[in-house]
All heavy atoms as atom14 arrays in JSON, in Angstrom:
{
  "sequence": "FERQVRRWPERPVQRIVRYLRRRPASLVVADFGCGDCTLAASVKNQVH",
  "atom14_mask": [
    [1, 1, 1, 1, 1, 1, 1, 1, 1, 1, 1, 0, 0, 0],
    [1, 1, 1, 1, 1, 1, 1, 1, 1, 0, 0, 0, 0, 0],
    [1, 1, 1, 1, 1, 1, 1, 1, 1, 1, 1, 0, 0, 0],
    [1, 1, 1, 1, 1, 1, 1, 1, 1, 0, 0, 0, 0, 0],
    [1, 1, 1, 1, 1, 1, 1, 0, 0, 0, 0, 0, 0, 0],
    [1, 1, 1, 1, 1, 1, 1, 1, 1, 1, 1, 0, 0, 0],
    [1, 1, 1, 1, 1, 1, 1, 1, 1, 1, 1, 0, 0, 0],
    [1, 1, 1, 1, 1, 1, 1, 1, 1, 1, 1, 1, 1, 1],
    [1, 1, 1, 1, 1, 1, 1, 0, 0, 0, 0, 0, 0, 0],
    [1, 1, 1, 1, 1, 1, 1, 1, 1, 0, 0, 0, 0, 0],
    [1, 1, 1, 1, 1, 1, 1, 1, 1, 1, 1, 0, 0, 0],
    [1, 1, 1, 1, 1, 1, 1, 0, 0, 0, 0, 0, 0, 0],
    [1, 1, 1, 1, 1, 1, 1, 0, 0, 0, 0, 0, 0, 0],
    [1, 1, 1, 1, 1, 1, 1, 1, 1, 0, 0, 0, 0, 0],
    [1, 1, 1, 1, 1, 1, 1, 1, 1, 1, 1, 0, 0, 0],
    [1, 1, 1, 1, 1, 1, 1, 1, 0, 0, 0, 0, 0, 0],
    [1, 1, 1, 1, 1, 1, 1, 0, 0, 0, 0, 0, 0, 0],
    [1, 1, 1, 1, 1, 1, 1, 1, 1, 1, 1, 0, 0, 0],
    [1, 1, 1, 1, 1, 1, 1, 1, 1, 1, 1, 1, 0, 0],
    [1, 1, 1, 1, 1, 1, 1, 1, 0, 0, 0, 0, 0, 0],
    [1, 1, 1, 1, 1, 1, 1, 1, 1, 1, 1, 0, 0, 0],
    [1, 1, 1, 1, 1, 1, 1, 1, 1, 1, 1, 0, 0, 0],
    [1, 1, 1, 1, 1, 1, 1, 1, 1, 1, 1, 0, 0, 0],
    [1, 1, 1, 1, 1, 1, 1, 0, 0, 0, 0, 0, 0, 0],
    [1, 1, 1, 1, 1, 0, 0, 0, 0, 0, 0, 0, 0, 0],
    [1, 1, 1, 1, 1, 1, 0, 0, 0, 0, 0, 0, 0, 0],
    [1, 1, 1, 1, 1, 1, 1, 1, 0, 0, 0, 0, 0, 0],
    [1, 1, 1, 1, 1, 1, 1, 0, 0, 0, 0, 0, 0, 0],
    [1, 1, 1, 1, 1, 1, 1, 0, 0, 0, 0, 0, 0, 0],
    [1, 1, 1, 1, 1, 0, 0, 0, 0, 0, 0, 0, 0, 0],
    [1, 1, 1, 1, 1, 1, 1, 1, 0, 0, 0, 0, 0, 0],
    [1, 1, 1, 1, 1, 1, 1, 1, 1, 1, 1, 0, 0, 0],
    [1, 1, 1, 1, 0, 0, 0, 0, 0, 0, 0, 0, 0, 0],
    [1, 1, 1, 1, 1, 1, 0, 0, 0, 0, 0, 0, 0, 0],
    [1, 1, 1, 1, 0, 0, 0, 0, 0, 0, 0, 0, 0, 0],
    [1, 1, 1, 1, 1, 1, 1, 1, 0, 0, 0, 0, 0, 0],
    [1, 1, 1, 1, 1, 1, 0, 0, 0, 0, 0, 0, 0, 0],
    [1, 1, 1, 1, 1, 1, 1, 0, 0, 0, 0, 0, 0, 0],
    [1, 1, 1, 1, 1, 1, 1, 1, 0, 0, 0, 0, 0, 0],
    [1, 1, 1, 1, 1, 0, 0, 0, 0, 0, 0, 0, 0, 0],
    [1, 1, 1, 1, 1, 0, 0, 0, 0, 0, 0, 0, 0, 0],
    [1, 1, 1, 1, 1, 1, 0, 0, 0, 0, 0, 0, 0, 0],
    [1, 1, 1, 1, 1, 1, 1, 0, 0, 0, 0, 0, 0, 0],
    [1, 1, 1, 1, 1, 1, 1, 1, 1, 0, 0, 0, 0, 0],
    [1, 1, 1, 1, 1, 1, 1, 1, 0, 0, 0, 0, 0, 0],
    [1, 1, 1, 1, 1, 1, 1, 1, 1, 0, 0, 0, 0, 0],
    [1, 1, 1, 1, 1, 1, 1, 0, 0, 0, 0, 0, 0, 0],
    [1, 1, 1, 1, 1, 1, 1, 1, 1, 1, 0, 0, 0, 0]
  ],
  "atom14_positions": [
    [[2.37, 4.1, -19.0], [2.65, 4.11, -17.57], [2.71, 5.55, -17.06], [2.07, 5.89, -16.06], [3.97, 3.39, -17.33], [4.45, 3.46, -15.91], [3.98, 2.6, -14.94], [5.41, 4.42, -15.53], [4.42, 2.68, -13.62], [5.86, 4.5, -14.24], [5.35, 3.61, -13.28], [0.0, 0.0, 0.0], [0.0, 0.0, 0.0], [0.0, 0.0, 0.0]],
    [[3.45, 6.39, -17.75], [3.58, 7.8, -17.34], [2.22, 8.5, -17.37], [1.92, 9.28, -16.47], [4.56, 8.55, -18.26], [6.01, 8.25, -17.95], [6.39, 8.62, -16.53], [5.94, 9.67, -16.0], [7.16, 7.85, -15.91], [0.0, 0.0, 0.0], [0.0, 0.0, 0.0], [0.0, 0.0, 0.0], [0.0, 0.0, 0.0], [0.0, 0.0, 0.0]],
    [[1.43, 8.2, -18.35], [0.09, 8.8, -18.49], [-0.76, 8.39, -17.26], [-1.48, 9.2, -16.71], [-0.55, 8.31, -19.79], [-1.8, 9.02, -20.14], [-2.22, 8.61, -21.58], [-3.63, 8.38, -21.58], [-4.22, 7.2, -21.64], [-3.52, 6.1, -21.75], [-5.53, 7.11, -21.63], [0.0, 0.0, 0.0], [0.0, 0.0, 0.0], [0.0, 0.0, 0.0]],
    [[-0.63, 7.15, -16.85], [-1.41, 6.65, -15.74], [-0.96, 7.24, -14.4], [-1.78, 7.7, -13.63], [-1.33, 5.13, -15.68], [-2.21, 4.5, -14.63], [-2.29, 3.0, -14.77], [-2.13, 2.46, -15.85], [-2.51, 2.34, -13.66], [0.0, 0.0, 0.0], [0.0, 0.0, 0.0], [0.0, 0.0, 0.0], [0.0, 0.0, 0.0], [0.0, 0.0, 0.0]],
    [[0.32, 7.24, -14.12], [0.8, 7.71, -12.82], [0.66, 9.22, -12.67], [0.63, 9.72, -11.53], [2.23, 7.26, -12.48], [2.32, 5.75, -12.37], [3.25, 7.81, -13.43], [0.0, 0.0, 0.0], [0.0, 0.0, 0.0], [0.0, 0.0, 0.0], [0.0, 0.0, 0.0], [0.0, 0.0, 0.0], [0.0, 0.0, 0.0], [0.0, 0.0, 0.0]],
    [[0.53, 9.97, -13.74], [0.31, 11.4, -13.66], [-1.0, 11.71, -12.91], [-1.17, 12.78, -12.35], [0.26, 12.05, -15.05], [1.59, 12.65, -15.43], [1.48, 13.44, -16.71], [2.24, 12.74, -17.74], [1.8, 12.36, -18.91], [0.58, 12.64, -19.28], [2.57, 11.7, -19.74], [0.0, 0.0, 0.0], [0.0, 0.0, 0.0], [0.0, 0.0, 0.0]],
    [[-1.93, 10.77, -12.95], [-3.24, 10.98, -12.31], [-3.23, 10.62, -10.84], [-4.19, 10.88, -10.13], [-4.31, 10.14, -13.02], [-4.57, 10.62, -14.44], [-5.73, 9.87, -15.06], [-5.19, 9.01, -16.1], [-5.7, 7.87, -16.46], [-6.77, 7.41, -15.89], [-5.14, 7.15, -17.42], [0.0, 0.0, 0.0], [0.0, 0.0, 0.0], [0.0, 0.0, 0.0]],
    [[-2.17, 10.01, -10.35], [-2.1, 9.58, -8.96], [-1.77, 10.78, -8.06], [-1.05, 11.69, -8.48], [-1.05, 8.5, -8.78], [-1.36, 7.22, -9.49], [-2.48, 6.91, -10.19], [-0.52, 6.07, -9.57], [-2.39, 5.64, -10.7], [-1.21, 5.1, -10.32], [0.72, 5.78, -9.06], [-0.67, 3.85, -10.59], [1.26, 4.52, -9.33], [0.58, 3.58, -10.07]],
    [[-2.22, 10.76, -6.81], [-1.91, 11.88, -5.9], [-0.42, 11.96, -5.57], [0.11, 13.03, -5.31], [-2.73, 11.57, -4.65], [-3.15, 10.15, -4.74], [-3.1, 9.76, -6.19], [0.0, 0.0, 0.0], [0.0, 0.0, 0.0], [0.0, 0.0, 0.0], [0.0, 0.0, 0.0], [0.0, 0.0, 0.0], [0.0, 0.0, 0.0], [0.0, 0.0, 0.0]],
    [[0.26, 10.81, -5.57], [1.69, 10.79, -5.3], [2.35, 9.66, -6.1], [1.79, 8.57, -6.22], [1.96, 10.53, -3.8], [3.43, 10.47, -3.47], [3.71, 10.22, -2.0], [2.96, 9.46, -1.36], [4.69, 10.76, -1.51], [0.0, 0.0, 0.0], [0.0, 0.0, 0.0], [0.0, 0.0, 0.0], [0.0, 0.0, 0.0], [0.0, 0.0, 0.0]],
    [[3.51, 9.96, -6.64], [4.28, 8.92, -7.33], [5.08, 8.16, -6.29], [5.83, 8.77, -5.52], [5.2, 9.56, -8.37], [4.45, 10.2, -9.52], [5.41, 10.82, -10.48], [6.2, 9.78, -11.11], [6.38, 9.64, -12.41], [5.84, 10.49, -13.24], [7.12, 8.66, -12.89], [0.0, 0.0, 0.0], [0.0, 0.0, 0.0], [0.0, 0.0, 0.0]],
    [[4.96, 6.85, -6.26], [5.69, 6.05, -5.25], [7.19, 6.28, -5.26], [7.84, 6.26, -4.2], [5.35, 4.62, -5.62], [4.07, 4.7, -6.34], [4.09, 6.01, -7.09], [0.0, 0.0, 0.0], [0.0, 0.0, 0.0], [0.0, 0.0, 0.0], [0.0, 0.0, 0.0], [0.0, 0.0, 0.0], [0.0, 0.0, 0.0], [0.0, 0.0, 0.0]],
    [[7.77, 6.55, -6.42], [9.23, 6.77, -6.49], [9.62, 7.99, -5.64], [10.71, 8.0, -5.05], [9.73, 6.88, -7.95], [9.29, 8.2, -8.6], [11.24, 6.77, -8.01], [0.0, 0.0, 0.0], [0.0, 0.0, 0.0], [0.0, 0.0, 0.0], [0.0, 0.0, 0.0], [0.0, 0.0, 0.0], [0.0, 0.0, 0.0], [0.0, 0.0, 0.0]],
    [[8.74, 8.96, -5.52], [9.05, 10.15, -4.71], [9.13, 9.8, -3.22], [9.94, 10.38, -2.5], [8.03, 11.27, -4.96], [8.07, 11.83, -6.37], [9.48, 12.24, -6.8], [10.29, 12.74, -6.02], [9.82, 11.99, -8.06], [0.0, 0.0, 0.0], [0.0, 0.0, 0.0], [0.0, 0.0, 0.0], [0.0, 0.0, 0.0], [0.0, 0.0, 0.0]],
    [[8.33, 8.86, -2.81], [8.38, 8.42, -1.39], [9.73, 7.71, -1.14], [10.34, 7.9, -0.1], [7.22, 7.46, -1.12], [7.09, 7.12, 0.33], [5.86, 6.33, 0.61], [4.73, 7.25, 0.66], [3.6, 6.96, 1.25], [3.42, 5.79, 1.82], [2.63, 7.85, 1.29], [0.0, 0.0, 0.0], [0.0, 0.0, 0.0], [0.0, 0.0, 0.0]],
    [[10.18, 6.91, -2.11], [11.48, 6.23, -1.98], [12.62, 7.23, -1.99], [13.57, 7.12, -1.22], [11.61, 5.14, -3.09], [10.56, 4.07, -2.86], [13.03, 4.56, -3.11], [10.4, 3.11, -4.01], [0.0, 0.0, 0.0], [0.0, 0.0, 0.0], [0.0, 0.0, 0.0], [0.0, 0.0, 0.0], [0.0, 0.0, 0.0], [0.0, 0.0, 0.0]],
    [[12.5, 8.25, -2.84], [13.5, 9.3, -2.89], [13.58, 9.99, -1.52], [14.69, 10.18, -0.98], [13.17, 10.35, -3.99], [13.98, 11.62, -3.83], [13.38, 9.73, -5.38], [0.0, 0.0, 0.0], [0.0, 0.0, 0.0], [0.0, 0.0, 0.0], [0.0, 0.0, 0.0], [0.0, 0.0, 0.0], [0.0, 0.0, 0.0], [0.0, 0.0, 0.0]],
    [[12.45, 10.34, -0.93], [12.45, 10.98, 0.4], [13.12, 10.1, 1.44], [13.91, 10.57, 2.26], [11.03, 11.35, 0.82], [10.49, 12.58, 0.11], [9.25, 13.14, 0.79], [8.17, 12.19, 0.96], [7.25, 11.92, 0.06], [7.26, 12.52, -1.11], [6.29, 11.05, 0.31], [0.0, 0.0, 0.0], [0.0, 0.0, 0.0], [0.0, 0.0, 0.0]],
    [[12.81, 8.79, 1.39], [13.44, 7.86, 2.34], [14.97, 7.86, 2.17], [15.7, 7.98, 3.16], [12.89, 6.44, 2.1], [13.66, 5.36, 2.84], [13.42, 5.1, 4.18], [14.68, 4.63, 2.19], [14.15, 4.14, 4.86], [15.41, 3.66, 2.86], [15.14, 3.41, 4.19], [15.87, 2.45, 4.86], [0.0, 0.0, 0.0], [0.0, 0.0, 0.0]],
    [[15.45, 7.74, 0.94], [16.88, 7.68, 0.7], [17.59, 8.98, 1.06], [18.72, 8.96, 1.54], [17.18, 7.28, -0.74], [16.91, 5.82, -1.07], [17.03, 5.58, -2.57], [17.86, 4.9, -0.29], [0.0, 0.0, 0.0], [0.0, 0.0, 0.0], [0.0, 0.0, 0.0], [0.0, 0.0, 0.0], [0.0, 0.0, 0.0], [0.0, 0.0, 0.0]],
    [[16.93, 10.11, 0.84], [17.55, 11.4, 1.18], [17.73, 11.56, 2.68], [18.56, 12.37, 3.11], [16.71, 12.55, 0.62], [16.87, 12.71, -0.87], [16.03, 13.84, -1.41], [16.25, 14.04, -2.83], [15.48, 14.79, -3.58], [14.46, 15.46, -3.07], [15.73, 14.92, -4.88], [0.0, 0.0, 0.0], [0.0, 0.0, 0.0], [0.0, 0.0, 0.0]],
    [[16.97, 10.83, 3.48], [17.11, 10.88, 4.95], [18.16, 9.89, 5.44], [18.47, 9.85, 6.61], [15.76, 10.59, 5.62], [14.74, 11.67, 5.46], [13.53, 11.5, 6.35], [12.94, 10.17, 6.3], [11.9, 9.81, 5.54], [11.33, 10.7, 4.75], [11.44, 8.6, 5.56], [0.0, 0.0, 0.0], [0.0, 0.0, 0.0], [0.0, 0.0, 0.0]],
    [[18.67, 9.07, 4.56], [19.66, 8.03, 4.91], [21.03, 8.46, 4.37], [21.12, 9.37, 3.54], [19.25, 6.69, 4.28], [17.81, 6.28, 4.56], [17.6, 5.65, 5.89], [18.38, 4.43, 5.9], [18.93, 3.92, 6.98], [18.76, 4.47, 8.14], [19.65, 2.81, 6.91], [0.0, 0.0, 0.0], [0.0, 0.0, 0.0], [0.0, 0.0, 0.0]],
    [[22.1, 7.82, 4.81], [23.44, 8.18, 4.33], [23.56, 8.02, 2.81], [23.08, 7.03, 2.25], [24.37, 7.22, 5.04], [23.6, 6.76, 6.25], [22.15, 6.76, 5.84], [0.0, 0.0, 0.0], [0.0, 0.0, 0.0], [0.0, 0.0, 0.0], [0.0, 0.0, 0.0], [0.0, 0.0, 0.0], [0.0, 0.0, 0.0], [0.0, 0.0, 0.0]],
    [[24.19, 8.98, 2.17], [24.4, 8.91, 0.71], [25.38, 7.8, 0.33], [25.49, 7.44, -0.85], [24.92, 10.27, 0.2], [0.0, 0.0, 0.0], [0.0, 0.0, 0.0], [0.0, 0.0, 0.0], [0.0, 0.0, 0.0], [0.0, 0.0, 0.0], [0.0, 0.0, 0.0], [0.0, 0.0, 0.0], [0.0, 0.0, 0.0], [0.0, 0.0, 0.0]],
    [[26.02, 7.22, 1.33], [26.98, 6.13, 1.05], [26.26, 4.79, 0.79], [26.92, 3.85, 0.34], [27.94, 5.98, 2.24], [27.2, 5.69, 3.41], [0.0, 0.0, 0.0], [0.0, 0.0, 0.0], [0.0, 0.0, 0.0], [0.0, 0.0, 0.0], [0.0, 0.0, 0.0], [0.0, 0.0, 0.0], [0.0, 0.0, 0.0], [0.0, 0.0, 0.0]],
    [[24.97, 4.71, 1.08], [24.25, 3.47, 0.81], [24.17, 3.2, -0.69], [23.88, 4.1, -1.46], [22.82, 3.54, 1.36], [22.66, 3.64, 2.88], [21.2, 3.74, 3.26], [23.33, 2.46, 3.58], [0.0, 0.0, 0.0], [0.0, 0.0, 0.0], [0.0, 0.0, 0.0], [0.0, 0.0, 0.0], [0.0, 0.0, 0.0], [0.0, 0.0, 0.0]],
    [[24.48, 1.97, -1.08], [24.44, 1.58, -2.48], [23.05, 0.98, -2.76], [22.54, 0.17, -2.0], [25.55, 0.56, -2.81], [25.46, 0.1, -4.28], [26.91, 1.18, -2.52], [0.0, 0.0, 0.0], [0.0, 0.0, 0.0], [0.0, 0.0, 0.0], [0.0, 0.0, 0.0], [0.0, 0.0, 0.0], [0.0, 0.0, 0.0], [0.0, 0.0, 0.0]],
    [[22.45, 1.42, -3.87], [21.08, 1.05, -4.2], [21.04, 0.28, -5.5], [21.76, 0.6, -6.47], [20.2, 2.34, -4.33], [18.78, 1.99, -4.69], [20.27, 3.17, -3.06], [0.0, 0.0, 0.0], [0.0, 0.0, 0.0], [0.0, 0.0, 0.0], [0.0, 0.0, 0.0], [0.0, 0.0, 0.0], [0.0, 0.0, 0.0], [0.0, 0.0, 0.0]],
    [[20.17, -0.73, -5.57], [19.88, -1.44, -6.84], [18.42, -1.17, -7.15], [17.54, -1.46, -6.36], [20.13, -2.94, -6.69], [0.0, 0.0, 0.0], [0.0, 0.0, 0.0], [0.0, 0.0, 0.0], [0.0, 0.0, 0.0], [0.0, 0.0, 0.0], [0.0, 0.0, 0.0], [0.0, 0.0, 0.0], [0.0, 0.0, 0.0], [0.0, 0.0, 0.0]],
    [[18.16, -0.57, -8.31], [16.79, -0.23, -8.74], [16.39, -1.24, -9.81], [16.77, -1.13, -10.97], [16.76, 1.21, -9.27], [15.34, 1.71, -9.52], [14.38, 0.94, -9.38], [15.23, 2.88, -9.9], [0.0, 0.0, 0.0], [0.0, 0.0, 0.0], [0.0, 0.0, 0.0], [0.0, 0.0, 0.0], [0.0, 0.0, 0.0], [0.0, 0.0, 0.0]],
    [[15.58, -2.2, -9.41], [15.07, -3.26, -10.3], [13.87, -2.74, -11.06], [12.84, -2.42, -10.45], [14.67, -4.5, -9.49], [15.78, -5.26, -8.85], [16.44, -4.78, -7.73], [16.18, -6.48, -9.38], [17.46, -5.51, -7.13], [17.2, -7.21, -8.81], [17.84, -6.73, -7.66], [0.0, 0.0, 0.0], [0.0, 0.0, 0.0], [0.0, 0.0, 0.0]],
    [[13.96, -2.63, -12.38], [12.85, -2.07, -13.18], [12.84, -0.58, -13.08], [11.8, 0.05, -12.8], [0.0, 0.0, 0.0], [0.0, 0.0, 0.0], [0.0, 0.0, 0.0], [0.0, 0.0, 0.0], [0.0, 0.0, 0.0], [0.0, 0.0, 0.0], [0.0, 0.0, 0.0], [0.0, 0.0, 0.0], [0.0, 0.0, 0.0], [0.0, 0.0, 0.0]],
    [[13.99, 0.03, -13.31], [14.21, 1.48, -13.04], [13.49, 2.41, -14.01], [13.4, 3.61, -13.73], [15.69, 1.77, -13.07], [16.43, 1.46, -14.7], [0.0, 0.0, 0.0], [0.0, 0.0, 0.0], [0.0, 0.0, 0.0], [0.0, 0.0, 0.0], [0.0, 0.0, 0.0], [0.0, 0.0, 0.0], [0.0, 0.0, 0.0], [0.0, 0.0, 0.0]],
    [[13.05, 1.92, -15.17], [12.42, 2.82, -16.13], [13.37, 3.89, -16.63], [14.42, 3.57, -17.17], [0.0, 0.0, 0.0], [0.0, 0.0, 0.0], [0.0, 0.0, 0.0], [0.0, 0.0, 0.0], [0.0, 0.0, 0.0], [0.0, 0.0, 0.0], [0.0, 0.0, 0.0], [0.0, 0.0, 0.0], [0.0, 0.0, 0.0], [0.0, 0.0, 0.0]],
    [[13.03, 5.14, -16.37], [13.84, 6.27, -16.87], [14.88, 6.75, -15.85], [15.44, 7.84, -16.0], [12.93, 7.42, -17.31], [12.1, 7.97, -16.17], [12.27, 7.54, -15.01], [11.26, 8.86, -16.43], [0.0, 0.0, 0.0], [0.0, 0.0, 0.0], [0.0, 0.0, 0.0], [0.0, 0.0, 0.0], [0.0, 0.0, 0.0], [0.0, 0.0, 0.0]],
    [[15.16, 5.97, -14.83], [16.17, 6.26, -13.83], [15.86, 7.49, -12.97], [16.75, 8.19, -12.51], [17.56, 6.42, -14.46], [18.14, 4.94, -15.3], [0.0, 0.0, 0.0], [0.0, 0.0, 0.0], [0.0, 0.0, 0.0], [0.0, 0.0, 0.0], [0.0, 0.0, 0.0], [0.0, 0.0, 0.0], [0.0, 0.0, 0.0], [0.0, 0.0, 0.0]],
    [[14.58, 7.72, -12.72], [14.16, 8.86, -11.87], [14.82, 8.76, -10.49], [15.31, 9.76, -9.96], [12.64, 8.89, -11.72], [12.05, 9.12, -13.01], [12.18, 9.98, -10.76], [0.0, 0.0, 0.0], [0.0, 0.0, 0.0], [0.0, 0.0, 0.0], [0.0, 0.0, 0.0], [0.0, 0.0, 0.0], [0.0, 0.0, 0.0], [0.0, 0.0, 0.0]],
    [[14.86, 7.57, -9.91], [15.45, 7.39, -8.6], [16.92, 7.79, -8.6], [17.38, 8.59, -7.79], [15.27, 5.95, -8.11], [15.82, 5.63, -6.73], [15.13, 6.49, -5.66], [15.62, 4.15, -6.42], [0.0, 0.0, 0.0], [0.0, 0.0, 0.0], [0.0, 0.0, 0.0], [0.0, 0.0, 0.0], [0.0, 0.0, 0.0], [0.0, 0.0, 0.0]],
    [[17.67, 7.27, -9.56], [19.1, 7.58, -9.65], [19.35, 9.07, -9.84], [20.31, 9.63, -9.29], [19.75, 6.8, -10.8], [0.0, 0.0, 0.0], [0.0, 0.0, 0.0], [0.0, 0.0, 0.0], [0.0, 0.0, 0.0], [0.0, 0.0, 0.0], [0.0, 0.0, 0.0], [0.0, 0.0, 0.0], [0.0, 0.0, 0.0], [0.0, 0.0, 0.0]],
    [[18.5, 9.73, -10.6], [18.68, 11.16, -10.87], [18.27, 12.02, -9.66], [18.6, 13.21, -9.62], [17.83, 11.56, -12.08], [0.0, 0.0, 0.0], [0.0, 0.0, 0.0], [0.0, 0.0, 0.0], [0.0, 0.0, 0.0], [0.0, 0.0, 0.0], [0.0, 0.0, 0.0], [0.0, 0.0, 0.0], [0.0, 0.0, 0.0], [0.0, 0.0, 0.0]],
    [[17.58, 11.43, -8.68], [17.04, 12.2, -7.58], [17.77, 12.07, -6.26], [17.43, 12.74, -5.29], [15.58, 11.79, -7.36], [14.82, 11.95, -8.54], [0.0, 0.0, 0.0], [0.0, 0.0, 0.0], [0.0, 0.0, 0.0], [0.0, 0.0, 0.0], [0.0, 0.0, 0.0], [0.0, 0.0, 0.0], [0.0, 0.0, 0.0], [0.0, 0.0, 0.0]],
    [[18.75, 11.17, -6.19], [19.49, 10.95, -4.95], [20.99, 10.99, -5.19], [21.44, 10.85, -6.34], [19.08, 9.6, -4.28], [17.62, 9.6, -3.88], [19.43, 8.42, -5.17], [0.0, 0.0, 0.0], [0.0, 0.0, 0.0], [0.0, 0.0, 0.0], [0.0, 0.0, 0.0], [0.0, 0.0, 0.0], [0.0, 0.0, 0.0], [0.0, 0.0, 0.0]],
    [[21.75, 11.17, -4.13], [23.22, 11.23, -4.23], [23.86, 9.84, -4.16], [25.02, 9.68, -4.47], [23.78, 12.11, -3.12], [23.4, 13.56, -3.27], [23.95, 14.4, -2.15], [23.54, 15.86, -2.37], [23.84, 16.69, -1.21], [0.0, 0.0, 0.0], [0.0, 0.0, 0.0], [0.0, 0.0, 0.0], [0.0, 0.0, 0.0], [0.0, 0.0, 0.0]],
    [[23.07, 8.83, -3.79], [23.57, 7.47, -3.65], [24.05, 6.94, -5.0], [23.56, 7.35, -6.04], [22.48, 6.54, -3.13], [21.83, 7.05, -1.88], [21.13, 8.05, -1.91], [22.06, 6.38, -0.78], [0.0, 0.0, 0.0], [0.0, 0.0, 0.0], [0.0, 0.0, 0.0], [0.0, 0.0, 0.0], [0.0, 0.0, 0.0], [0.0, 0.0, 0.0]],
    [[24.94, 5.95, -4.94], [25.25, 5.18, -6.14], [24.03, 4.28, -6.37], [23.63, 3.53, -5.47], [26.5, 4.33, -5.94], [26.81, 3.45, -7.14], [27.94, 2.49, -6.89], [28.49, 2.39, -5.79], [28.29, 1.73, -7.91], [0.0, 0.0, 0.0], [0.0, 0.0, 0.0], [0.0, 0.0, 0.0], [0.0, 0.0, 0.0], [0.0, 0.0, 0.0]],
    [[23.45, 4.36, -7.57], [22.27, 3.55, -7.9], [22.57, 2.72, -9.13], [22.92, 3.24, -10.19], [21.02, 4.44, -8.14], [19.82, 3.58, -8.5], [20.72, 5.32, -6.93], [0.0, 0.0, 0.0], [0.0, 0.0, 0.0], [0.0, 0.0, 0.0], [0.0, 0.0, 0.0], [0.0, 0.0, 0.0], [0.0, 0.0, 0.0], [0.0, 0.0, 0.0]],
    [[22.47, 1.41, -8.99], [22.58, 0.49, -10.13], [21.18, 0.39, -10.75], [20.23, 0.01, -10.05], [23.05, -0.9, -9.68], [24.41, -0.89, -9.06], [25.54, -0.86, -9.81], [24.8, -0.94, -7.76], [26.6, -0.88, -9.0], [26.16, -0.92, -7.76], [0.0, 0.0, 0.0], [0.0, 0.0, 0.0], [0.0, 0.0, 0.0], [0.0, 0.0, 0.0]]
  ]
}
């Protein structure tokens, strides 16, 4: 998976990170199929 997405112009998780960074950090997030927890490591929100 990592090998494949490295070739993409943008990783979709980065778009989600940008969205959450523009929203209140108090929002609670559930990441279904989180993989290596990139989303949780990239935002201040509580991420399950």
